[in-house]
Amino acid sequence: MRQIKFAVTLPSRDFAETRAMAESAEALGFHAISLDDHFFMRGLMETTQTPRLECYTTLATLAGLTQRVRLVQTVTSMSFRNPALLAKMTSTLDHISDGRVTVGVGAGWFREEYQAYNYPYLSNAERIEQLAEGIKVLKLMWTEDEPSWQGHYFKIAKAYNFPKPVQKPYPPLLVGGSGNEVLKITAAEADIANLIPPFTRGELDLTKALKFDKPELGRRIETLRGYAKAAGRSPDSIELSGNSFVLVARDKSAVEAMLEATAIAMGVDDIEAARRSPQVLAGTVEEATRELRSRIETLGITYFFLSFLAQDTLELFATEIMPEFAS
């Protein structure tokens, strides 16, 4: 059995808030901190005017303010940065953090963000092909002295990248997504699979996301395992991870109030669907602990990226739930 890992998905509205939660996560014993890599967002209790810090400059700063927690992007769209530049950035970040970076990448999905920042919003298939090519470039840049390669979307010609990453042969690679073609890439290339609902229409559809329930997640995991075998890899070589909003309290009535308020804020009508969703971890301490054990034992998930809406929930989780899963 792998070590059970818990990561805190940091807020990114205000750096003082982000820093405080990052420092709390380290002090409380979390394995990692993560930031998503969006420029703005619509939905999930956000508007396009909600402030949002840039992912890599923020993580570089947090690297100097922490000593132990790993630093993860969940996840970077391969469309947003030339992968040769991304390899340079992540190599540098690995040095700044003394080897604590996990590199998270995906195919991208939020059409409005692409259009606003003048990135071509290619078809789903093309963006997935970009992801596959970008990963090849990343690995070449991280490992070869004179990396050269040409694909349809990207090419490099003796793209020198010194210093190489601290971690050898390169930082752990996390791939986010659960569509079939993304799962094939994950099976062939990734160290960690971040299994999130697929967004194929370029916008956030929470109603559809809630249909990505545990049985569907289980089916996607079995598909991933099959692709790993076809790629000549052991399915167990790929660590499984997922993202959840944490709505935990000691009192059941407090949990119900949190769940209802969060569902209303997100514009979700079906509270029971939200409660059952693997994107939510709701319950008393005892209920949340049982649910985590179920996800570990039935789905094989061992790496949990968790969003906390309040500091007291973060502390409650760390002091009363995390010890139950200590190695």
Protein backbone atom coordinates (compact mmCIF):
# COMPACT_ATOMS: atom_id res chain seq x y z
CA MET A 1 0.00 0.00 0.00
CA ARG A 2 1.25 3.47 -0.88
CA GLN A 3 1.59 6.18 1.69
CA ILE A 4 -1.67 8.10 1.98
CA LYS A 5 -1.01 11.71 1.00
CA PHE A 6 -3.06 14.82 1.66
CA ALA A 7 -2.47 18.10 -0.16
CA VAL A 8 -4.06 21.49 0.46
CA THR A 9 -5.38 23.26 -2.63
CA LEU A 10 -4.57 26.86 -1.80
CA PRO A 11 -6.84 29.86 -2.32
CA SER A 12 -5.39 32.33 -4.80
CA ARG A 13 -7.39 35.51 -4.27
CA ASP A 14 -4.94 37.28 -1.97
CA PHE A 15 -1.30 36.45 -1.32
CA ALA A 16 -1.51 37.00 2.44
CA GLU A 17 -4.30 34.42 2.61
CA THR A 18 -2.43 32.05 0.28
CA ARG A 19 0.77 32.32 2.32
CA ALA A 20 -1.03 31.80 5.62
CA MET A 21 -2.72 28.62 4.43
CA ALA A 22 0.51 27.31 2.89
CA GLU A 23 2.38 27.84 6.14
CA SER A 24 -0.47 26.22 8.08
CA ALA A 25 -0.44 23.24 5.73
CA GLU A 26 3.25 22.71 6.37
CA ALA A 27 2.94 23.16 10.13
CA LEU A 28 0.01 20.74 10.30
CA GLY A 29 1.81 17.98 8.41
CA PHE A 30 0.19 17.98 4.98
CA HIS A 31 2.21 16.33 2.22
CA ALA A 32 1.80 19.08 -0.38
CA ILE A 33 0.30 22.40 -1.34
CA SER A 34 -1.15 23.05 -4.77
CA LEU A 35 -2.39 25.89 -6.93
CA ASP A 36 -4.52 25.64 -10.02
CA ASP A 37 -3.22 27.34 -13.15
CA HIS A 38 -6.08 29.50 -14.39
CA PHE A 39 -5.97 33.21 -15.16
CA PHE A 40 -9.60 33.71 -14.21
CA MET A 41 -12.62 31.48 -13.73
CA ARG A 42 -16.39 31.57 -13.95
CA GLY A 43 -18.29 29.38 -11.50
CA LEU A 44 -17.28 27.45 -8.36
CA MET A 45 -18.17 30.51 -6.25
CA GLU A 46 -16.10 32.79 -8.51
CA THR A 47 -16.80 35.42 -11.11
CA THR A 48 -14.45 36.64 -13.81
CA GLN A 49 -13.65 39.59 -11.51
CA THR A 50 -12.51 37.44 -8.60
CA PRO A 51 -8.77 38.04 -8.06
CA ARG A 52 -6.52 35.11 -8.97
CA LEU A 53 -2.76 34.96 -8.50
CA GLU A 54 -0.50 33.53 -11.21
CA CYS A 55 0.47 29.96 -10.41
CA TYR A 56 4.23 29.74 -10.98
CA THR A 57 5.35 33.06 -9.52
CA THR A 58 3.24 32.29 -6.45
CA LEU A 59 4.69 28.79 -6.05
CA ALA A 60 8.22 30.14 -6.46
CA THR A 61 7.60 32.55 -3.60
CA LEU A 62 6.03 29.85 -1.43
CA ALA A 63 9.04 27.63 -2.10
CA GLY A 64 11.16 30.14 -0.21
CA LEU A 65 8.66 30.36 2.66
CA THR A 66 8.37 26.60 3.29
CA GLN A 67 10.86 23.81 3.87
CA ARG A 68 9.05 20.48 3.54
CA VAL A 69 5.73 20.48 1.66
CA ARG A 70 5.74 19.58 -2.01
CA LEU A 71 4.61 22.13 -4.59
CA VAL A 72 2.08 21.04 -7.23
CA GLN A 73 0.18 22.68 -10.10
CA THR A 74 -3.31 21.19 -10.53
CA VAL A 75 -2.98 21.56 -13.46
CA THR A 76 -1.17 23.59 -16.13
CA SER A 77 -2.74 23.70 -19.57
CA MET A 78 -0.11 22.69 -22.12
CA SER A 79 -1.51 25.42 -24.39
CA PHE A 80 -0.50 28.27 -22.07
CA ARG A 81 3.29 27.96 -22.05
CA ASN A 82 5.65 26.58 -24.64
CA PRO A 83 6.74 23.26 -23.08
CA ALA A 84 10.42 24.14 -23.52
CA LEU A 85 9.84 27.25 -21.42
CA LEU A 86 7.74 25.20 -18.98
CA ALA A 87 10.63 22.74 -18.62
CA LYS A 88 12.95 25.65 -17.80
CA MET A 89 10.50 27.10 -15.30
CA THR A 90 9.91 23.82 -13.50
CA SER A 91 13.62 22.99 -13.44
CA THR A 92 14.26 26.34 -11.81
CA LEU A 93 11.39 25.86 -9.36
CA ASP A 94 12.82 22.46 -8.45
CA HIS A 95 16.10 24.17 -7.51
CA ILE A 96 14.42 26.98 -5.59
CA SER A 97 12.50 24.38 -3.55
CA ASP A 98 15.40 21.94 -3.19
CA GLY A 99 13.62 19.20 -5.11
CA ARG A 100 10.02 19.56 -3.92
CA VAL A 101 8.19 20.09 -7.22
CA THR A 102 5.56 17.82 -8.74
CA VAL A 103 4.68 18.97 -12.25
CA GLY A 104 0.97 18.85 -13.08
CA VAL A 105 -0.20 19.22 -16.67
CA GLY A 106 -3.39 18.79 -18.66
CA ALA A 107 -5.00 19.53 -22.01
CA GLY A 108 -6.85 22.68 -20.90
CA TRP A 109 -10.58 23.20 -21.26
CA PHE A 110 -11.89 26.70 -20.33
CA ARG A 111 -12.65 28.30 -23.71
CA GLU A 112 -13.36 31.80 -22.39
CA GLU A 113 -9.93 31.96 -20.77
CA TYR A 114 -8.20 30.95 -24.01
CA GLN A 115 -10.09 33.53 -26.04
CA ALA A 116 -9.54 36.34 -23.55
CA TYR A 117 -5.77 35.78 -23.49
CA ASN A 118 -5.53 35.18 -27.25
CA TYR A 119 -4.59 31.51 -27.10
CA PRO A 120 -6.00 29.46 -30.00
CA TYR A 121 -8.78 27.26 -28.64
CA LEU A 122 -8.18 24.14 -30.69
CA SER A 123 -10.48 21.13 -30.75
CA ASN A 124 -10.47 18.70 -27.83
CA ALA A 125 -8.49 16.20 -29.91
CA GLU A 126 -5.90 18.80 -30.92
CA ARG A 127 -5.40 20.06 -27.37
CA ILE A 128 -4.89 16.47 -26.23
CA GLU A 129 -2.31 16.00 -28.98
CA GLN A 130 -0.61 19.16 -27.72
CA LEU A 131 -0.50 17.63 -24.25
CA ALA A 132 1.15 14.45 -25.52
CA GLU A 133 3.75 16.39 -27.51
CA GLY A 134 4.41 18.78 -24.66
CA ILE A 135 5.15 15.95 -22.26
CA LYS A 136 7.72 14.56 -24.70
CA VAL A 137 9.39 17.98 -24.83
CA LEU A 138 9.38 18.31 -21.04
CA LYS A 139 11.06 14.96 -20.52
CA LEU A 140 13.70 15.64 -23.19
CA MET A 141 14.45 19.06 -21.71
CA TRP A 142 14.74 17.61 -18.23
CA THR A 143 17.06 14.75 -19.18
CA GLU A 144 19.10 15.46 -22.33
CA ASP A 145 22.04 17.84 -22.73
CA GLU A 146 21.15 18.93 -26.28
CA PRO A 147 17.45 18.14 -26.61
CA SER A 148 16.08 18.30 -30.14
CA TRP A 149 12.70 17.08 -31.36
CA GLN A 150 9.99 18.06 -33.84
CA GLY A 151 6.29 17.39 -33.63
CA HIS A 152 3.19 18.93 -35.15
CA TYR A 153 2.71 21.61 -32.45
CA PHE A 154 6.11 21.97 -30.82
CA LYS A 155 9.74 21.62 -31.75
CA ILE A 156 13.09 22.18 -30.06
CA ALA A 157 16.58 22.35 -31.53
CA LYS A 158 19.42 21.99 -29.01
CA ALA A 159 17.25 23.70 -26.41
CA TYR A 160 19.82 23.77 -23.62
CA ASN A 161 18.32 23.51 -20.16
CA PHE A 162 20.86 23.92 -17.38
CA PRO A 163 20.61 23.35 -14.52
CA LYS A 164 18.63 20.16 -14.85
CA PRO A 165 16.01 19.45 -12.16
CA VAL A 166 17.23 18.39 -8.72
CA GLN A 167 15.00 15.32 -8.85
CA LYS A 168 16.23 12.54 -11.12
CA PRO A 169 15.47 11.68 -13.80
CA TYR A 170 12.91 14.48 -13.46
CA PRO A 171 10.17 15.69 -11.08
CA PRO A 172 7.12 13.45 -10.65
CA LEU A 173 4.66 14.08 -13.47
CA LEU A 174 0.95 14.42 -12.72
CA VAL A 175 -1.55 14.41 -15.58
CA GLY A 176 -5.06 15.72 -14.96
CA GLY A 177 -8.15 14.49 -16.77
CA SER A 178 -10.24 11.39 -17.29
CA GLY A 179 -11.29 11.29 -20.95
CA ASN A 180 -10.18 8.19 -22.84
CA GLU A 181 -7.44 9.86 -24.86
CA VAL A 182 -6.06 11.70 -21.84
CA LEU A 183 -6.07 8.43 -19.91
CA LYS A 184 -3.95 6.86 -22.66
CA ILE A 185 -1.38 9.63 -22.21
CA THR A 186 -1.53 9.25 -18.44
CA ALA A 187 -1.05 5.51 -18.73
CA ALA A 188 2.04 5.92 -20.90
CA GLU A 189 3.70 8.94 -19.30
CA ALA A 190 2.46 9.90 -15.83
CA ASP A 191 3.57 9.09 -12.33
CA ILE A 192 0.30 10.39 -10.88
CA ALA A 193 -3.20 10.43 -12.40
CA ASN A 194 -5.42 13.27 -11.24
CA LEU A 195 -8.89 11.98 -12.07
CA ILE A 196 -11.26 14.89 -12.52
CA PRO A 197 -14.53 15.13 -14.46
CA PRO A 198 -13.96 15.75 -18.18
CA PHE A 199 -15.07 19.16 -19.46
CA THR A 200 -15.48 18.81 -23.21
CA ARG A 201 -17.61 21.86 -24.08
CA GLY A 202 -15.23 24.59 -22.97
CA GLU A 203 -17.19 25.64 -19.90
CA LEU A 204 -17.77 24.58 -16.31
CA ASP A 205 -20.89 22.41 -16.04
CA LEU A 206 -21.36 21.52 -12.37
CA THR A 207 -24.48 19.47 -13.02
CA LYS A 208 -22.53 17.26 -15.41
CA ALA A 209 -19.58 17.17 -13.04
CA LEU A 210 -21.78 15.79 -10.27
CA LYS A 211 -22.74 12.89 -12.56
CA PHE A 212 -19.07 11.89 -12.37
CA ASP A 213 -19.90 9.74 -9.35
CA LYS A 214 -17.92 6.98 -7.68
CA PRO A 215 -19.11 4.20 -10.02
CA GLU A 216 -18.13 6.32 -13.03
CA LEU A 217 -14.80 7.18 -11.41
CA GLY A 218 -14.23 3.47 -10.82
CA ARG A 219 -14.86 2.75 -14.49
CA ARG A 220 -12.36 5.40 -15.53
CA ILE A 221 -9.77 3.94 -13.17
CA GLU A 222 -10.22 0.48 -14.68
CA THR A 223 -9.84 2.02 -18.14
CA LEU A 224 -6.60 3.66 -17.03
CA ARG A 225 -5.32 0.36 -15.69
CA GLY A 226 -6.06 -1.32 -18.99
CA TYR A 227 -4.22 1.38 -20.93
CA ALA A 228 -1.25 1.08 -18.59
CA LYS A 229 -0.99 -2.64 -19.30
CA ALA A 230 -1.24 -1.97 -23.03
CA ALA A 231 1.61 0.55 -22.68
CA GLY A 232 3.77 -2.07 -20.98
CA ARG A 233 3.51 -0.52 -17.53
CA SER A 234 2.28 -1.92 -14.26
CA PRO A 235 -1.02 -0.23 -13.37
CA ASP A 236 0.28 0.04 -9.82
CA SER A 237 3.11 2.29 -11.02
CA ILE A 238 0.59 5.12 -11.48
CA GLU A 239 -0.58 6.78 -8.29
CA LEU A 240 -4.26 7.75 -8.24
CA SER A 241 -5.35 11.16 -7.00
CA GLY A 242 -8.52 13.20 -6.84
CA ASN A 243 -9.81 16.63 -5.80
CA SER A 244 -12.45 17.32 -3.15
CA PHE A 245 -14.06 20.21 -1.32
CA VAL A 246 -13.92 19.41 2.41
CA LEU A 247 -17.10 20.07 4.40
CA VAL A 248 -16.33 18.45 7.73
CA ALA A 249 -17.41 19.35 11.26
CA ARG A 250 -17.83 17.60 14.59
CA ASP A 251 -21.58 18.15 14.59
CA LYS A 252 -23.84 16.67 11.94
CA SER A 253 -26.12 19.70 11.83
CA ALA A 254 -23.10 21.91 11.11
CA VAL A 255 -22.15 19.61 8.23
CA GLU A 256 -25.65 19.87 6.75
CA ALA A 257 -25.56 23.65 6.99
CA MET A 258 -22.14 23.78 5.29
CA LEU A 259 -23.29 21.44 2.54
CA GLU A 260 -26.46 23.41 1.85
CA ALA A 261 -24.65 26.77 1.85
CA THR A 262 -21.93 25.48 -0.45
CA ALA A 263 -24.43 23.94 -2.86
CA ILE A 264 -26.36 27.21 -3.02
CA ALA A 265 -23.17 29.22 -3.58
CA MET A 266 -22.20 26.91 -6.43
CA GLY A 267 -25.67 26.96 -7.94
CA VAL A 268 -26.21 23.24 -7.36
CA ASP A 269 -29.80 22.15 -6.71
CA ASP A 270 -29.21 18.46 -5.99
CA ILE A 271 -27.62 18.46 -2.55
CA GLU A 272 -27.69 14.67 -2.32
CA ALA A 273 -25.76 14.38 -5.58
CA ALA A 274 -23.19 16.80 -4.14
CA ARG A 275 -22.94 14.74 -0.97
CA ARG A 276 -22.28 11.55 -2.97
CA SER A 277 -19.81 13.15 -5.36
CA PRO A 278 -16.12 12.23 -5.08
CA GLN A 279 -15.49 15.94 -5.64
CA VAL A 280 -16.94 16.54 -2.16
CA LEU A 281 -15.90 15.13 1.21
CA ALA A 282 -18.75 15.94 3.58
CA GLY A 283 -19.59 14.57 6.99
CA THR A 284 -18.64 14.41 10.62
CA VAL A 285 -15.08 13.43 11.48
CA GLU A 286 -16.13 9.79 11.72
CA GLU A 287 -18.11 9.87 8.47
CA ALA A 288 -15.33 11.60 6.54
CA THR A 289 -12.79 9.10 7.84
CA ARG A 290 -14.97 6.19 6.69
CA GLU A 291 -15.47 7.78 3.29
CA LEU A 292 -11.74 8.26 2.80
CA ARG A 293 -11.13 4.63 3.72
CA SER A 294 -13.75 3.61 1.17
CA ARG A 295 -12.07 5.64 -1.58
CA ILE A 296 -8.71 4.12 -0.68
CA GLU A 297 -9.95 0.52 -0.46
CA THR A 298 -12.47 0.43 -3.32
CA LEU A 299 -10.93 2.88 -5.80
CA GLY A 300 -7.25 2.76 -4.89
CA ILE A 301 -6.94 6.54 -4.51
CA THR A 302 -4.04 7.42 -2.22
CA TYR A 303 -3.38 11.11 -2.98
CA PHE A 304 -6.08 13.59 -1.99
CA PHE A 305 -6.06 17.24 -3.11
CA LEU A 306 -8.36 19.03 -0.69
CA SER A 307 -9.97 22.48 -0.78
CA PHE A 308 -10.86 23.99 2.60
CA LEU A 309 -13.26 26.89 2.86
CA ALA A 310 -12.19 27.81 6.40
CA GLN A 311 -9.09 27.58 8.59
CA ASP A 312 -10.91 25.73 11.36
CA THR A 313 -11.92 22.97 8.93
CA LEU A 314 -8.29 22.65 7.82
CA GLU A 315 -7.15 22.30 11.43
CA LEU A 316 -9.92 19.85 12.30
CA PHE A 317 -9.01 17.65 9.35
CA ALA A 318 -5.31 17.72 10.18
CA THR A 319 -5.67 16.96 13.86
CA GLU A 320 -8.53 14.44 13.88
CA ILE A 321 -8.60 12.76 10.45
CA MET A 322 -5.07 12.75 9.06
CA PRO A 323 -3.60 10.79 11.99
CA GLU A 324 -5.93 7.91 11.11
CA PHE A 325 -4.02 7.49 7.84
CA ALA A 326 -0.46 7.99 9.06
CA SER A 327 2.03 5.38 7.86
